Amino acid sequence: MASSVLRRFMKFSSSRNTSTRSFSLVTSQIGNHTAKWMQDTSKKSPMELINEVPPIKVEGRIVACEGDTNPALGHPIEFICLDLAEPAVCKYCGLRYVQDHHH
């Protein structure tokens, strides 16, 4: 069953002209969304706000970032290795973590 659906999809995809795709509508929407953030200079961008949060010190070598203490507001768990000297950054929320060496 699944293989027949896949074959039909592949036949449908190959029959369409996929070499000429137009992303003009998507590009304009992205441009408008970005422009909204750039217009009001009194407000900080999300990246500026997250960069104001100091790196979080942890004792272990591995940290599990969930983005928030409330699972409904967070993101999928990302396990981050802290072996490097510079702070490690969560790919979902941008929080920075550093290993606390207290010798």
C-alpha atoms as a PDB file:
ATOM      1  CA  MET A   1       0.000   0.000   0.000  1.00  0.00           C
ATOM      2  CA  ALA A   2       2.654   2.528   1.040  1.00  0.00           C
ATOM      3  CA  SER A   3       4.855   1.659  -1.927  1.00  0.00           C
ATOM      4  CA  SER A   4       1.978   2.206  -4.379  1.00  0.00           C
ATOM      5  CA  VAL A   5       1.246   5.610  -2.846  1.00  0.00           C
ATOM      6  CA  LEU A   6       4.928   6.485  -3.099  1.00  0.00           C
ATOM      7  CA  ARG A   7       5.036   5.386  -6.756  1.00  0.00           C
ATOM      8  CA  ARG A   8       1.985   7.538  -7.567  1.00  0.00           C
ATOM      9  CA  PHE A   9       3.539  10.501  -5.802  1.00  0.00           C
ATOM     10  CA  MET A  10       6.829  10.052  -7.647  1.00  0.00           C
ATOM     11  CA  LYS A  11       4.982   9.808 -10.988  1.00  0.00           C
ATOM     12  CA  PHE A  12       2.977  12.952 -10.154  1.00  0.00           C
ATOM     13  CA  SER A  13       6.117  14.835  -9.068  1.00  0.00           C
ATOM     14  CA  SER A  14       8.078  13.886 -12.167  1.00  0.00           C
ATOM     15  CA  SER A  15       5.218  14.852 -14.486  1.00  0.00           C
ATOM     16  CA  ARG A  16       5.139  18.409 -13.098  1.00  0.00           C
ATOM     17  CA  ASN A  17       7.590  21.042 -14.255  1.00  0.00           C
ATOM     18  CA  THR A  18       9.537  21.568 -11.025  1.00  0.00           C
ATOM     19  CA  SER A  19      12.501  23.366 -12.587  1.00  0.00           C
ATOM     20  CA  THR A  20      10.701  26.717 -12.545  1.00  0.00           C
ATOM     21  CA  ARG A  21       9.435  27.450  -9.070  1.00  0.00           C
ATOM     22  CA  SER A  22       8.362  30.879  -8.006  1.00  0.00           C
ATOM     23  CA  PHE A  23       9.048  31.953  -4.457  1.00  0.00           C
ATOM     24  CA  SER A  24       8.161  35.603  -5.007  1.00  0.00           C
ATOM     25  CA  LEU A  25       5.147  35.452  -2.673  1.00  0.00           C
ATOM     26  CA  VAL A  26       7.194  33.785   0.080  1.00  0.00           C
ATOM     27  CA  THR A  27      10.086  36.186  -0.416  1.00  0.00           C
ATOM     28  CA  SER A  28       7.821  39.211  -0.114  1.00  0.00           C
ATOM     29  CA  GLN A  29       6.237  37.812   3.045  1.00  0.00           C
ATOM     30  CA  ILE A  30       9.660  37.205   4.610  1.00  0.00           C
ATOM     31  CA  GLY A  31      10.776  40.680   3.575  1.00  0.00           C
ATOM     32  CA  ASN A  32       7.657  42.287   5.069  1.00  0.00           C
ATOM     33  CA  HIS A  33       8.060  40.337   8.310  1.00  0.00           C
ATOM     34  CA  THR A  34      11.705  41.357   8.642  1.00  0.00           C
ATOM     35  CA  ALA A  35      10.907  44.948   7.735  1.00  0.00           C
ATOM     36  CA  LYS A  36       8.384  45.056  10.579  1.00  0.00           C
ATOM     37  CA  TRP A  37      11.193  44.384  13.071  1.00  0.00           C
ATOM     38  CA  MET A  38      13.507  46.882  11.438  1.00  0.00           C
ATOM     39  CA  GLN A  39      11.038  49.831  11.357  1.00  0.00           C
ATOM     40  CA  ASP A  40      10.704  50.465  15.074  1.00  0.00           C
ATOM     41  CA  THR A  41      14.204  51.037  16.415  1.00  0.00           C
ATOM     42  CA  SER A  42      12.932  51.597  19.955  1.00  0.00           C
ATOM     43  CA  LYS A  43      12.181  47.861  20.245  1.00  0.00           C
ATOM     44  CA  LYS A  44      14.934  45.287  20.350  1.00  0.00           C
ATOM     45  CA  SER A  45      14.966  42.348  17.987  1.00  0.00           C
ATOM     46  CA  PRO A  46      14.558  38.832  19.420  1.00  0.00           C
ATOM     47  CA  MET A  47      18.262  38.145  18.860  1.00  0.00           C
ATOM     48  CA  GLU A  48      19.245  41.304  20.720  1.00  0.00           C
ATOM     49  CA  LEU A  49      17.020  40.315  23.630  1.00  0.00           C
ATOM     50  CA  ILE A  50      18.421  36.768  23.880  1.00  0.00           C
ATOM     51  CA  ASN A  51      22.000  38.088  23.657  1.00  0.00           C
ATOM     52  CA  GLU A  52      21.362  40.185  26.773  1.00  0.00           C
ATOM     53  CA  VAL A  53      20.900  36.993  28.807  1.00  0.00           C
ATOM     54  CA  PRO A  54      24.304  36.096  30.311  1.00  0.00           C
ATOM     55  CA  PRO A  55      25.661  32.576  29.670  1.00  0.00           C
ATOM     56  CA  ILE A  56      24.187  30.052  32.103  1.00  0.00           C
ATOM     57  CA  LYS A  57      26.816  28.305  34.230  1.00  0.00           C
ATOM     58  CA  VAL A  58      26.379  24.562  34.739  1.00  0.00           C
ATOM     59  CA  GLU A  59      28.524  22.039  36.610  1.00  0.00           C
ATOM     60  CA  GLY A  60      28.382  19.079  34.219  1.00  0.00           C
ATOM     61  CA  ARG A  61      29.752  18.534  30.724  1.00  0.00           C
ATOM     62  CA  ILE A  62      26.310  18.069  29.136  1.00  0.00           C
ATOM     63  CA  VAL A  63      23.276  20.326  29.501  1.00  0.00           C
ATOM     64  CA  ALA A  64      19.707  19.630  28.388  1.00  0.00           C
ATOM     65  CA  CYS A  65      18.057  22.792  27.100  1.00  0.00           C
ATOM     66  CA  GLU A  66      14.265  22.874  26.908  1.00  0.00           C
ATOM     67  CA  GLY A  67      13.889  26.621  26.330  1.00  0.00           C
ATOM     68  CA  ASP A  68      11.556  27.161  29.289  1.00  0.00           C
ATOM     69  CA  THR A  69      10.560  25.497  32.537  1.00  0.00           C
ATOM     70  CA  ASN A  70       7.032  25.128  31.142  1.00  0.00           C
ATOM     71  CA  PRO A  71       7.073  22.407  28.427  1.00  0.00           C
ATOM     72  CA  ALA A  72       4.216  24.128  26.572  1.00  0.00           C
ATOM     73  CA  LEU A  73       6.376  27.223  26.068  1.00  0.00           C
ATOM     74  CA  GLY A  74       9.681  25.510  25.356  1.00  0.00           C
ATOM     75  CA  HIS A  75      11.143  23.543  22.465  1.00  0.00           C
ATOM     76  CA  PRO A  76      12.352  19.969  21.874  1.00  0.00           C
ATOM     77  CA  ILE A  77      15.100  18.956  24.281  1.00  0.00           C
ATOM     78  CA  GLU A  78      18.571  19.601  22.932  1.00  0.00           C
ATOM     79  CA  PHE A  79      21.533  18.014  24.678  1.00  0.00           C
ATOM     80  CA  ILE A  80      24.527  20.355  24.431  1.00  0.00           C
ATOM     81  CA  CYS A  81      28.151  19.361  25.049  1.00  0.00           C
ATOM     82  CA  LEU A  82      30.160  21.978  26.939  1.00  0.00           C
ATOM     83  CA  ASP A  83      33.701  20.750  26.244  1.00  0.00           C
ATOM     84  CA  LEU A  84      34.717  23.911  24.386  1.00  0.00           C
ATOM     85  CA  ALA A  85      35.987  27.018  26.151  1.00  0.00           C
ATOM     86  CA  GLU A  86      33.473  29.396  24.578  1.00  0.00           C
ATOM     87  CA  PRO A  87      29.784  29.250  25.507  1.00  0.00           C
ATOM     88  CA  ALA A  88      27.680  26.686  23.630  1.00  0.00           C
ATOM     89  CA  VAL A  89      24.486  28.012  22.036  1.00  0.00           C
ATOM     90  CA  CYS A  90      21.126  26.237  21.873  1.00  0.00           C
ATOM     91  CA  LYS A  91      20.067  25.992  18.234  1.00  0.00           C
ATOM     92  CA  TYR A  92      16.391  26.472  19.130  1.00  0.00           C
ATOM     93  CA  CYS A  93      16.278  29.375  21.570  1.00  0.00           C
ATOM     94  CA  GLY A  94      19.761  30.896  21.500  1.00  0.00           C
ATOM     95  CA  LEU A  95      20.455  30.473  25.226  1.00  0.00           C
ATOM     96  CA  ARG A  96      24.171  30.176  25.947  1.00  0.00           C
ATOM     97  CA  TYR A  97      25.695  27.689  28.362  1.00  0.00           C
ATOM     98  CA  VAL A  98      29.191  27.462  29.809  1.00  0.00           C
ATOM     99  CA  GLN A  99      30.764  24.859  32.072  1.00  0.00           C
ATOM    100  CA  ASP A 100      31.477  26.214  35.564  1.00  0.00           C
ATOM    101  CA  HIS A 101      35.000  25.082  36.476  1.00  0.00           C
ATOM    102  CA  HIS A 102      35.305  25.537  40.215  1.00  0.00           C
ATOM    103  CA  HIS A 103      38.615  23.900  41.125  1.00  0.00           C
END
